[in-house]
Amino acid sequence: MERLVGKQAPAFNMNAVKGDGSDFVQVKSEDYKGKWLVMFFYPLDFTFVCPTEITAFSDRYEDFKKVGAEVLAVSCDSEYSHQAWINQKKEEGGLGKIKFPIASDKKYEVAKDYGIFIEEEGIALRGLFIIDPDGDVKYSVVHDLNVGRNVDETLRVLKALQTGGMCAANWKEGEANL
């Protein structure tokens, strides 16, 4: 697999559902030019680990906005499945309303371009990519299907990248660069 970090992020154009489940929209890589983007892939709607990640990112959405970043979730399910999941009550296995769109990569093109597609299962690994305002991939992390990501760590790395300098291990916001 070819590395993406340090290179221009692969372009994308996907159907998506708004986070409140009200309507469908198109999301394109060009929509995020000039902004930081945290784009994360998850395997499937109506599953167990996935809603914990999505709602954790939604709960911290304002923290991402404060540092000039947008958040986009992506899976290989259809935008209609995403909408049904958002609109279903949480106590009945639904996701509930969130604060960012969920895109549909039902043709598997984007997951393949980002190197996280599991061909034999037709799903994406838990890949997360931080893309800078110039469209370059600055960070990439891929998890096994059973392990959710850490939103605090994603925010820490995003803020470290935004300093433009060298940050030591365990760097925290407000600390000096090396």
N, C-alpha and C. Protein backbone atom coordinates (compact mmCIF):
# COMPACT_ATOMS: atom_id res chain seq x y z
N MET A 1 0.84 -1.18 0.00
CA MET A 1 0.00 0.00 0.00
C MET A 1 0.89 1.24 0.00
N GLU A 2 0.56 2.15 -0.84
CA GLU A 2 1.30 3.41 -0.94
C GLU A 2 0.93 4.32 0.23
N ARG A 3 1.91 4.97 0.81
CA ARG A 3 1.65 5.88 1.92
C ARG A 3 0.92 7.12 1.42
N LEU A 4 0.09 7.67 2.29
CA LEU A 4 -0.63 8.90 1.96
C LEU A 4 -0.08 10.11 2.71
N VAL A 5 0.48 9.88 3.90
CA VAL A 5 0.98 11.00 4.70
C VAL A 5 2.08 11.72 3.92
N GLY A 6 1.93 13.05 3.86
CA GLY A 6 2.88 13.87 3.13
C GLY A 6 2.53 14.07 1.67
N LYS A 7 1.44 13.47 1.24
CA LYS A 7 1.00 13.59 -0.15
C LYS A 7 -0.37 14.26 -0.22
N GLN A 8 -0.73 14.68 -1.41
CA GLN A 8 -2.06 15.24 -1.63
C GLN A 8 -3.10 14.15 -1.37
N ALA A 9 -4.13 14.52 -0.61
CA ALA A 9 -5.19 13.55 -0.30
C ALA A 9 -5.94 13.18 -1.58
N PRO A 10 -6.28 11.91 -1.75
CA PRO A 10 -7.09 11.53 -2.91
C PRO A 10 -8.42 12.30 -2.92
N ALA A 11 -8.80 12.79 -4.09
CA ALA A 11 -10.06 13.53 -4.23
C ALA A 11 -11.23 12.59 -4.00
N PHE A 12 -12.33 13.17 -3.53
CA PHE A 12 -13.54 12.38 -3.34
C PHE A 12 -14.77 13.23 -3.66
N ASN A 13 -15.84 12.53 -4.00
CA ASN A 13 -17.15 13.12 -4.26
C ASN A 13 -18.17 12.04 -3.89
N MET A 14 -18.87 12.25 -2.77
CA MET A 14 -19.77 11.21 -2.28
C MET A 14 -21.13 11.79 -1.90
N ASN A 15 -22.14 10.95 -1.98
CA ASN A 15 -23.44 11.30 -1.42
C ASN A 15 -23.32 11.17 0.09
N ALA A 16 -24.06 12.00 0.80
CA ALA A 16 -24.00 11.97 2.27
C ALA A 16 -25.36 12.35 2.81
N VAL A 17 -25.55 12.10 4.10
CA VAL A 17 -26.74 12.56 4.80
C VAL A 17 -26.28 13.56 5.85
N LYS A 18 -27.05 14.61 6.01
CA LYS A 18 -26.74 15.58 7.06
C LYS A 18 -26.81 14.88 8.41
N GLY A 19 -26.05 15.39 9.36
CA GLY A 19 -25.98 14.77 10.67
C GLY A 19 -27.30 14.71 11.42
N ASP A 20 -28.23 15.60 11.07
CA ASP A 20 -29.54 15.55 11.73
C ASP A 20 -30.51 14.63 11.01
N GLY A 21 -30.04 14.00 9.91
CA GLY A 21 -30.87 13.05 9.16
C GLY A 21 -31.93 13.67 8.29
N SER A 22 -31.93 15.00 8.16
CA SER A 22 -33.01 15.69 7.46
C SER A 22 -32.93 15.64 5.95
N ASP A 23 -31.74 15.55 5.39
CA ASP A 23 -31.61 15.69 3.94
C ASP A 23 -30.30 15.10 3.46
N PHE A 24 -30.21 14.91 2.15
CA PHE A 24 -29.00 14.41 1.52
C PHE A 24 -28.22 15.56 0.92
N VAL A 25 -26.90 15.41 0.91
CA VAL A 25 -26.00 16.41 0.34
C VAL A 25 -24.87 15.69 -0.38
N GLN A 26 -24.15 16.43 -1.19
CA GLN A 26 -22.92 15.95 -1.81
C GLN A 26 -21.77 16.48 -0.96
N VAL A 27 -20.77 15.67 -0.73
CA VAL A 27 -19.55 16.14 -0.09
C VAL A 27 -18.39 15.85 -1.04
N LYS A 28 -17.60 16.88 -1.28
CA LYS A 28 -16.47 16.77 -2.20
C LYS A 28 -15.22 17.28 -1.51
N SER A 29 -14.10 16.75 -1.91
CA SER A 29 -12.84 17.20 -1.32
C SER A 29 -12.68 18.71 -1.46
N GLU A 30 -13.14 19.28 -2.57
CA GLU A 30 -13.03 20.73 -2.79
C GLU A 30 -13.78 21.54 -1.73
N ASP A 31 -14.82 20.94 -1.14
CA ASP A 31 -15.59 21.64 -0.09
C ASP A 31 -14.73 21.96 1.13
N TYR A 32 -13.64 21.24 1.29
CA TYR A 32 -12.82 21.37 2.48
C TYR A 32 -11.50 22.11 2.23
N LYS A 33 -11.31 22.61 1.02
CA LYS A 33 -10.10 23.39 0.72
C LYS A 33 -10.07 24.59 1.65
N GLY A 34 -8.89 24.88 2.19
CA GLY A 34 -8.74 26.00 3.10
C GLY A 34 -9.12 25.69 4.53
N LYS A 35 -9.52 24.42 4.80
CA LYS A 35 -9.91 24.01 6.16
C LYS A 35 -9.16 22.73 6.51
N TRP A 36 -9.03 22.50 7.80
CA TRP A 36 -8.55 21.20 8.25
C TRP A 36 -9.72 20.23 8.18
N LEU A 37 -9.46 18.99 7.80
CA LEU A 37 -10.50 17.97 7.74
C LEU A 37 -10.05 16.73 8.51
N VAL A 38 -10.91 16.27 9.40
CA VAL A 38 -10.73 14.98 10.06
C VAL A 38 -11.76 14.06 9.42
N MET A 39 -11.28 13.17 8.58
CA MET A 39 -12.16 12.24 7.87
C MET A 39 -11.90 10.84 8.43
N PHE A 40 -12.97 10.23 8.94
CA PHE A 40 -12.77 8.88 9.48
C PHE A 40 -13.76 7.91 8.86
N PHE A 41 -13.24 6.73 8.56
CA PHE A 41 -14.01 5.62 8.00
C PHE A 41 -14.36 4.66 9.12
N TYR A 42 -15.54 4.08 9.01
CA TYR A 42 -15.95 3.04 9.96
C TYR A 42 -16.59 1.92 9.15
N PRO A 43 -16.65 0.69 9.68
CA PRO A 43 -17.09 -0.46 8.89
C PRO A 43 -18.56 -0.47 8.48
N LEU A 44 -19.49 -0.35 9.43
CA LEU A 44 -20.90 -0.58 9.09
C LEU A 44 -21.85 0.19 10.01
N ASP A 45 -22.97 0.59 9.45
CA ASP A 45 -24.07 1.15 10.24
C ASP A 45 -24.70 0.01 11.07
N PHE A 46 -25.44 0.38 12.09
CA PHE A 46 -26.18 -0.56 12.93
C PHE A 46 -25.29 -1.63 13.55
N THR A 47 -24.12 -1.21 14.02
CA THR A 47 -23.20 -2.15 14.66
C THR A 47 -22.90 -1.67 16.08
N PHE A 48 -21.83 -2.15 16.67
CA PHE A 48 -21.60 -1.95 18.10
C PHE A 48 -20.54 -0.89 18.42
N VAL A 49 -19.35 -1.00 17.87
CA VAL A 49 -18.28 -0.04 18.15
C VAL A 49 -18.51 1.27 17.38
N CYS A 50 -19.00 1.16 16.16
CA CYS A 50 -19.16 2.33 15.29
C CYS A 50 -19.97 3.47 15.92
N PRO A 51 -21.12 3.22 16.53
CA PRO A 51 -21.86 4.35 17.09
C PRO A 51 -21.13 5.01 18.26
N THR A 52 -20.31 4.25 18.98
CA THR A 52 -19.57 4.86 20.08
C THR A 52 -18.56 5.86 19.54
N GLU A 53 -17.94 5.54 18.43
CA GLU A 53 -16.98 6.46 17.81
C GLU A 53 -17.68 7.69 17.23
N ILE A 54 -18.72 7.45 16.47
CA ILE A 54 -19.41 8.55 15.80
C ILE A 54 -19.97 9.53 16.83
N THR A 55 -20.61 9.03 17.86
CA THR A 55 -21.18 9.94 18.86
C THR A 55 -20.07 10.62 19.67
N ALA A 56 -18.94 9.95 19.89
CA ALA A 56 -17.82 10.58 20.59
C ALA A 56 -17.27 11.76 19.78
N PHE A 57 -17.14 11.59 18.47
CA PHE A 57 -16.69 12.70 17.62
C PHE A 57 -17.74 13.80 17.59
N SER A 58 -19.01 13.44 17.56
CA SER A 58 -20.08 14.44 17.56
C SER A 58 -20.10 15.22 18.87
N ASP A 59 -19.90 14.53 19.99
CA ASP A 59 -19.87 15.20 21.29
C ASP A 59 -18.75 16.23 21.38
N ARG A 60 -17.67 16.02 20.64
CA ARG A 60 -16.52 16.93 20.67
C ARG A 60 -16.44 17.82 19.42
N TYR A 61 -17.49 17.82 18.62
CA TYR A 61 -17.48 18.56 17.35
C TYR A 61 -17.12 20.03 17.54
N GLU A 62 -17.64 20.66 18.57
CA GLU A 62 -17.35 22.09 18.80
C GLU A 62 -15.86 22.30 19.07
N ASP A 63 -15.20 21.34 19.69
CA ASP A 63 -13.76 21.44 19.91
C ASP A 63 -13.00 21.42 18.59
N PHE A 64 -13.47 20.62 17.65
CA PHE A 64 -12.85 20.59 16.32
C PHE A 64 -13.11 21.92 15.60
N LYS A 65 -14.34 22.41 15.69
CA LYS A 65 -14.68 23.69 15.04
C LYS A 65 -13.83 24.84 15.58
N LYS A 66 -13.58 24.84 16.90
CA LYS A 66 -12.79 25.91 17.53
C LYS A 66 -11.39 26.00 16.96
N VAL A 67 -10.86 24.89 16.47
CA VAL A 67 -9.52 24.91 15.89
C VAL A 67 -9.57 24.86 14.36
N GLY A 68 -10.72 25.20 13.79
CA GLY A 68 -10.84 25.34 12.35
C GLY A 68 -10.91 24.04 11.58
N ALA A 69 -11.42 22.99 12.20
CA ALA A 69 -11.48 21.70 11.52
C ALA A 69 -12.93 21.26 11.31
N GLU A 70 -13.14 20.59 10.21
CA GLU A 70 -14.41 19.94 9.90
C GLU A 70 -14.24 18.45 10.16
N VAL A 71 -15.36 17.76 10.38
CA VAL A 71 -15.35 16.31 10.62
C VAL A 71 -16.28 15.67 9.59
N LEU A 72 -15.84 14.56 9.04
CA LEU A 72 -16.64 13.81 8.08
C LEU A 72 -16.49 12.33 8.36
N ALA A 73 -17.61 11.64 8.57
CA ALA A 73 -17.61 10.19 8.74
C ALA A 73 -17.94 9.54 7.41
N VAL A 74 -17.37 8.36 7.16
CA VAL A 74 -17.58 7.66 5.88
C VAL A 74 -17.69 6.17 6.14
N SER A 75 -18.65 5.52 5.48
CA SER A 75 -18.66 4.06 5.43
C SER A 75 -19.15 3.63 4.05
N CYS A 76 -19.09 2.35 3.80
CA CYS A 76 -19.50 1.81 2.51
C CYS A 76 -21.00 1.52 2.44
N ASP A 77 -21.72 1.85 3.51
CA ASP A 77 -23.18 1.73 3.49
C ASP A 77 -23.77 2.87 2.64
N SER A 78 -25.01 2.74 2.24
CA SER A 78 -25.66 3.78 1.44
C SER A 78 -26.06 4.97 2.31
N GLU A 79 -26.26 6.09 1.67
CA GLU A 79 -26.73 7.28 2.39
C GLU A 79 -28.12 7.03 3.00
N TYR A 80 -28.89 6.12 2.40
CA TYR A 80 -30.22 5.80 2.92
C TYR A 80 -30.11 5.00 4.23
N SER A 81 -29.13 4.11 4.29
CA SER A 81 -28.87 3.38 5.52
C SER A 81 -28.41 4.35 6.61
N HIS A 82 -27.51 5.27 6.25
CA HIS A 82 -27.05 6.28 7.21
C HIS A 82 -28.23 7.08 7.76
N GLN A 83 -29.12 7.50 6.87
CA GLN A 83 -30.28 8.30 7.29
C GLN A 83 -31.18 7.49 8.23
N ALA A 84 -31.43 6.24 7.87
CA ALA A 84 -32.29 5.40 8.72
C ALA A 84 -31.66 5.22 10.11
N TRP A 85 -30.35 5.05 10.14
CA TRP A 85 -29.64 4.86 11.41
C TRP A 85 -29.71 6.12 12.27
N ILE A 86 -29.51 7.28 11.66
CA ILE A 86 -29.60 8.55 12.39
C ILE A 86 -31.01 8.76 12.93
N ASN A 87 -32.01 8.45 12.12
CA ASN A 87 -33.40 8.72 12.50
C ASN A 87 -34.01 7.68 13.44
N GLN A 88 -33.34 6.54 13.61
CA GLN A 88 -33.83 5.53 14.55
C GLN A 88 -33.41 5.90 15.96
N LYS A 89 -34.29 5.71 16.93
CA LYS A 89 -33.99 6.04 18.33
C LYS A 89 -32.81 5.20 18.83
N LYS A 90 -31.99 5.83 19.65
CA LYS A 90 -30.81 5.14 20.20
C LYS A 90 -31.20 3.88 20.96
N GLU A 91 -32.28 3.96 21.75
CA GLU A 91 -32.68 2.80 22.54
C GLU A 91 -33.19 1.65 21.67
N GLU A 92 -33.38 1.91 20.37
CA GLU A 92 -33.80 0.86 19.44
C GLU A 92 -32.67 0.49 18.47
N GLY A 93 -31.43 0.86 18.84
CA GLY A 93 -30.28 0.52 18.00
C GLY A 93 -29.88 1.60 17.01
N GLY A 94 -30.54 2.75 17.09
CA GLY A 94 -30.22 3.84 16.18
C GLY A 94 -29.03 4.66 16.66
N LEU A 95 -28.59 5.53 15.79
CA LEU A 95 -27.45 6.40 16.10
C LEU A 95 -27.90 7.69 16.77
N GLY A 96 -29.01 8.22 16.30
CA GLY A 96 -29.45 9.54 16.78
C GLY A 96 -28.76 10.63 15.99
N LYS A 97 -29.19 11.85 16.20
CA LYS A 97 -28.65 13.00 15.48
C LYS A 97 -27.21 13.27 15.90
N ILE A 98 -26.40 13.64 14.90
CA ILE A 98 -25.01 14.01 15.15
C ILE A 98 -24.75 15.37 14.49
N LYS A 99 -23.55 15.88 14.63
CA LYS A 99 -23.26 17.26 14.22
C LYS A 99 -22.46 17.39 12.93
N PHE A 100 -22.27 16.31 12.20
CA PHE A 100 -21.53 16.36 10.93
C PHE A 100 -22.13 15.31 10.00
N PRO A 101 -21.86 15.43 8.70
CA PRO A 101 -22.45 14.47 7.75
C PRO A 101 -21.78 13.10 7.79
N ILE A 102 -22.53 12.12 7.31
CA ILE A 102 -21.99 10.78 7.08
C ILE A 102 -22.09 10.51 5.59
N ALA A 103 -20.93 10.24 4.99
CA ALA A 103 -20.86 10.02 3.54
C ALA A 103 -20.95 8.54 3.21
N SER A 104 -21.43 8.29 2.00
CA SER A 104 -21.60 6.93 1.50
C SER A 104 -20.57 6.63 0.41
N ASP A 105 -19.75 5.64 0.66
CA ASP A 105 -18.76 5.18 -0.32
C ASP A 105 -19.20 3.82 -0.84
N LYS A 106 -20.44 3.75 -1.31
CA LYS A 106 -20.99 2.44 -1.68
C LYS A 106 -20.34 1.82 -2.92
N LYS A 107 -19.56 2.61 -3.66
CA LYS A 107 -18.81 2.05 -4.79
C LYS A 107 -17.39 1.66 -4.36
N TYR A 108 -17.06 1.87 -3.10
CA TYR A 108 -15.78 1.50 -2.50
C TYR A 108 -14.58 2.28 -3.04
N GLU A 109 -14.82 3.30 -3.84
CA GLU A 109 -13.72 4.02 -4.49
C GLU A 109 -12.85 4.77 -3.48
N VAL A 110 -13.46 5.45 -2.54
CA VAL A 110 -12.71 6.28 -1.62
C VAL A 110 -11.93 5.41 -0.64
N ALA A 111 -12.58 4.38 -0.10
CA ALA A 111 -11.88 3.46 0.81
C ALA A 111 -10.67 2.82 0.10
N LYS A 112 -10.82 2.48 -1.16
CA LYS A 112 -9.68 1.93 -1.92
C LYS A 112 -8.60 2.98 -2.10
N ASP A 113 -8.99 4.20 -2.48
CA ASP A 113 -8.01 5.28 -2.67
C ASP A 113 -7.23 5.59 -1.40
N TYR A 114 -7.88 5.41 -0.25
CA TYR A 114 -7.22 5.69 1.02
C TYR A 114 -6.56 4.44 1.62
N GLY A 115 -6.62 3.31 0.89
CA GLY A 115 -5.89 2.11 1.29
C GLY A 115 -6.46 1.35 2.46
N ILE A 116 -7.77 1.47 2.70
CA ILE A 116 -8.33 0.81 3.89
C ILE A 116 -9.51 -0.11 3.57
N PHE A 117 -9.69 -0.46 2.31
CA PHE A 117 -10.82 -1.30 1.91
C PHE A 117 -10.50 -2.77 2.14
N ILE A 118 -11.43 -3.50 2.76
CA ILE A 118 -11.31 -4.95 2.92
C ILE A 118 -12.16 -5.58 1.82
N GLU A 119 -11.52 -5.97 0.77
CA GLU A 119 -12.18 -6.48 -0.44
C GLU A 119 -13.16 -7.62 -0.15
N GLU A 120 -12.69 -8.63 0.60
CA GLU A 120 -13.51 -9.82 0.82
C GLU A 120 -14.74 -9.57 1.69
N GLU A 121 -14.76 -8.44 2.41
CA GLU A 121 -15.91 -8.12 3.26
C GLU A 121 -16.74 -6.96 2.73
N GLY A 122 -16.18 -6.20 1.79
CA GLY A 122 -16.90 -5.05 1.24
C GLY A 122 -17.08 -3.91 2.24
N ILE A 123 -16.12 -3.78 3.16
CA ILE A 123 -16.19 -2.72 4.18
C ILE A 123 -14.83 -2.05 4.33
N ALA A 124 -14.83 -0.93 5.03
CA ALA A 124 -13.60 -0.21 5.31
C ALA A 124 -13.09 -0.53 6.70
N LEU A 125 -11.78 -0.54 6.85
CA LEU A 125 -11.17 -0.57 8.18
C LEU A 125 -11.45 0.76 8.86
N ARG A 126 -11.14 0.85 10.13
CA ARG A 126 -11.28 2.11 10.87
C ARG A 126 -10.08 3.01 10.56
N GLY A 127 -10.13 3.69 9.43
CA GLY A 127 -9.06 4.59 9.02
C GLY A 127 -9.44 6.02 9.35
N LEU A 128 -8.48 6.79 9.87
CA LEU A 128 -8.70 8.20 10.17
C LEU A 128 -7.59 9.00 9.53
N PHE A 129 -7.96 10.10 8.88
CA PHE A 129 -7.01 10.92 8.15
C PHE A 129 -7.23 12.38 8.53
N ILE A 130 -6.13 13.06 8.86
CA ILE A 130 -6.18 14.51 9.06
C ILE A 130 -5.56 15.14 7.83
N ILE A 131 -6.36 15.98 7.18
CA ILE A 131 -5.96 16.63 5.92
C ILE A 131 -5.87 18.12 6.19
N ASP A 132 -4.76 18.72 5.77
CA ASP A 132 -4.55 20.15 6.05
C ASP A 132 -5.29 21.04 5.05
N PRO A 133 -5.29 22.35 5.27
CA PRO A 133 -6.03 23.27 4.38
C PRO A 133 -5.56 23.25 2.92
N ASP A 134 -4.34 22.77 2.67
CA ASP A 134 -3.84 22.66 1.30
C ASP A 134 -4.21 21.33 0.66
N GLY A 135 -4.89 20.46 1.40
CA GLY A 135 -5.30 19.17 0.86
C GLY A 135 -4.27 18.07 1.02
N ASP A 136 -3.26 18.28 1.87
CA ASP A 136 -2.24 17.26 2.10
C ASP A 136 -2.60 16.42 3.32
N VAL A 137 -2.36 15.12 3.22
CA VAL A 137 -2.58 14.22 4.36
C VAL A 137 -1.42 14.42 5.33
N LYS A 138 -1.75 14.79 6.56
CA LYS A 138 -0.75 15.04 7.59
C LYS A 138 -0.69 13.93 8.62
N TYR A 139 -1.74 13.14 8.72
CA TYR A 139 -1.82 12.09 9.74
C TYR A 139 -2.75 11.00 9.26
N SER A 140 -2.37 9.77 9.59
CA SER A 140 -3.19 8.62 9.23
C SER A 140 -3.03 7.58 10.31
N VAL A 141 -4.15 7.02 10.74
CA VAL A 141 -4.12 5.92 11.69
C VAL A 141 -5.20 4.92 11.27
N VAL A 142 -4.87 3.64 11.35
CA VAL A 142 -5.81 2.59 10.95
C VAL A 142 -5.91 1.58 12.08
N HIS A 143 -7.14 1.30 12.47
CA HIS A 143 -7.40 0.35 13.55
C HIS A 143 -8.06 -0.91 13.00
N ASP A 144 -7.90 -1.99 13.74
CA ASP A 144 -8.66 -3.21 13.50
C ASP A 144 -10.14 -2.90 13.71
N LEU A 145 -11.00 -3.71 13.21
CA LEU A 145 -12.44 -3.48 13.29
C LEU A 145 -12.97 -3.42 14.72
N ASN A 146 -12.32 -4.11 15.65
CA ASN A 146 -12.85 -4.23 17.01
C ASN A 146 -12.45 -3.10 17.96
N VAL A 147 -11.59 -2.18 17.51
CA VAL A 147 -11.05 -1.16 18.41
C VAL A 147 -11.42 0.24 17.92
N GLY A 148 -12.12 0.98 18.79
CA GLY A 148 -12.51 2.35 18.46
C GLY A 148 -11.36 3.33 18.65
N ARG A 149 -11.48 4.48 18.01
CA ARG A 149 -10.45 5.51 18.09
C ARG A 149 -10.65 6.43 19.28
N ASN A 150 -9.59 7.16 19.62
CA ASN A 150 -9.59 8.07 20.75
C ASN A 150 -9.74 9.50 20.25
N VAL A 151 -10.85 10.15 20.54
CA VAL A 151 -11.11 11.50 20.07
C VAL A 151 -10.14 12.50 20.68
N ASP A 152 -9.79 12.32 21.95
CA ASP A 152 -8.82 13.21 22.59
C ASP A 152 -7.48 13.17 21.86
N GLU A 153 -7.05 11.99 21.48
CA GLU A 153 -5.78 11.86 20.76
C GLU A 153 -5.87 12.50 19.38
N THR A 154 -6.98 12.34 18.72
CA THR A 154 -7.15 12.99 17.41
C THR A 154 -7.05 14.50 17.54
N LEU A 155 -7.71 15.06 18.54
CA LEU A 155 -7.63 16.50 18.77
C LEU A 155 -6.21 16.93 19.14
N ARG A 156 -5.53 16.15 19.96
CA ARG A 156 -4.15 16.47 20.34
C ARG A 156 -3.24 16.51 19.12
N VAL A 157 -3.35 15.50 18.25
CA VAL A 157 -2.52 15.45 17.05
C VAL A 157 -2.87 16.61 16.11
N LEU A 158 -4.15 16.89 15.94
CA LEU A 158 -4.57 18.00 15.09
C LEU A 158 -3.95 19.31 15.57
N LYS A 159 -4.05 19.58 16.87
CA LYS A 159 -3.48 20.81 17.43
C LYS A 159 -1.97 20.84 17.29
N ALA A 160 -1.32 19.70 17.46
CA ALA A 160 0.13 19.63 17.29
C ALA A 160 0.51 19.95 15.84
N LEU A 161 -0.22 19.37 14.90
CA LEU A 161 0.05 19.65 13.49
C LEU A 161 -0.14 21.13 13.18
N GLN A 162 -1.13 21.74 13.79
CA GLN A 162 -1.42 23.14 13.53
C GLN A 162 -0.35 24.08 14.06
N THR A 163 0.51 23.62 14.98
CA THR A 163 1.59 24.49 15.46
C THR A 163 2.62 24.74 14.36
N GLY A 164 2.71 23.81 13.41
CA GLY A 164 3.69 23.94 12.34
C GLY A 164 5.11 23.61 12.77
N GLY A 165 5.28 23.21 14.02
CA GLY A 165 6.62 22.90 14.54
C GLY A 165 6.74 21.46 14.95
N MET A 166 7.87 21.16 15.56
CA MET A 166 8.14 19.81 16.05
C MET A 166 7.60 19.69 17.47
N CYS A 167 6.80 18.67 17.69
CA CYS A 167 6.19 18.44 19.00
C CYS A 167 6.69 17.12 19.56
N ALA A 168 7.15 17.16 20.80
CA ALA A 168 7.68 15.96 21.46
C ALA A 168 6.56 14.95 21.71
N ALA A 169 6.97 13.75 22.07
CA ALA A 169 6.00 12.73 22.47
C ALA A 169 5.16 13.28 23.62
N ASN A 170 3.90 12.95 23.62
CA ASN A 170 2.95 13.37 24.66
C ASN A 170 2.77 14.89 24.73
N TRP A 171 3.12 15.59 23.66
CA TRP A 171 2.94 17.03 23.60
C TRP A 171 1.49 17.37 23.93
N LYS A 172 1.28 18.46 24.65
CA LYS A 172 -0.06 18.94 24.97
C LYS A 172 -0.17 20.38 24.53
N GLU A 173 -1.37 20.79 24.22
CA GLU A 173 -1.63 22.17 23.82
C GLU A 173 -1.06 23.15 24.85
N GLY A 174 -0.38 24.17 24.36
CA GLY A 174 0.22 25.17 25.23
C GLY A 174 1.68 24.92 25.52
N GLU A 175 2.16 23.69 25.28
CA GLU A 175 3.56 23.40 25.48
C GLU A 175 4.38 23.92 24.30
N ALA A 176 5.63 24.22 24.56
CA ALA A 176 6.52 24.73 23.52
C ALA A 176 6.87 23.62 22.54
N ASN A 177 7.16 24.03 21.32
CA ASN A 177 7.69 23.09 20.32
C ASN A 177 9.17 22.87 20.61
N LEU A 178 9.72 21.83 20.03
CA LEU A 178 11.16 21.54 20.18
C LEU A 178 11.97 22.55 19.39
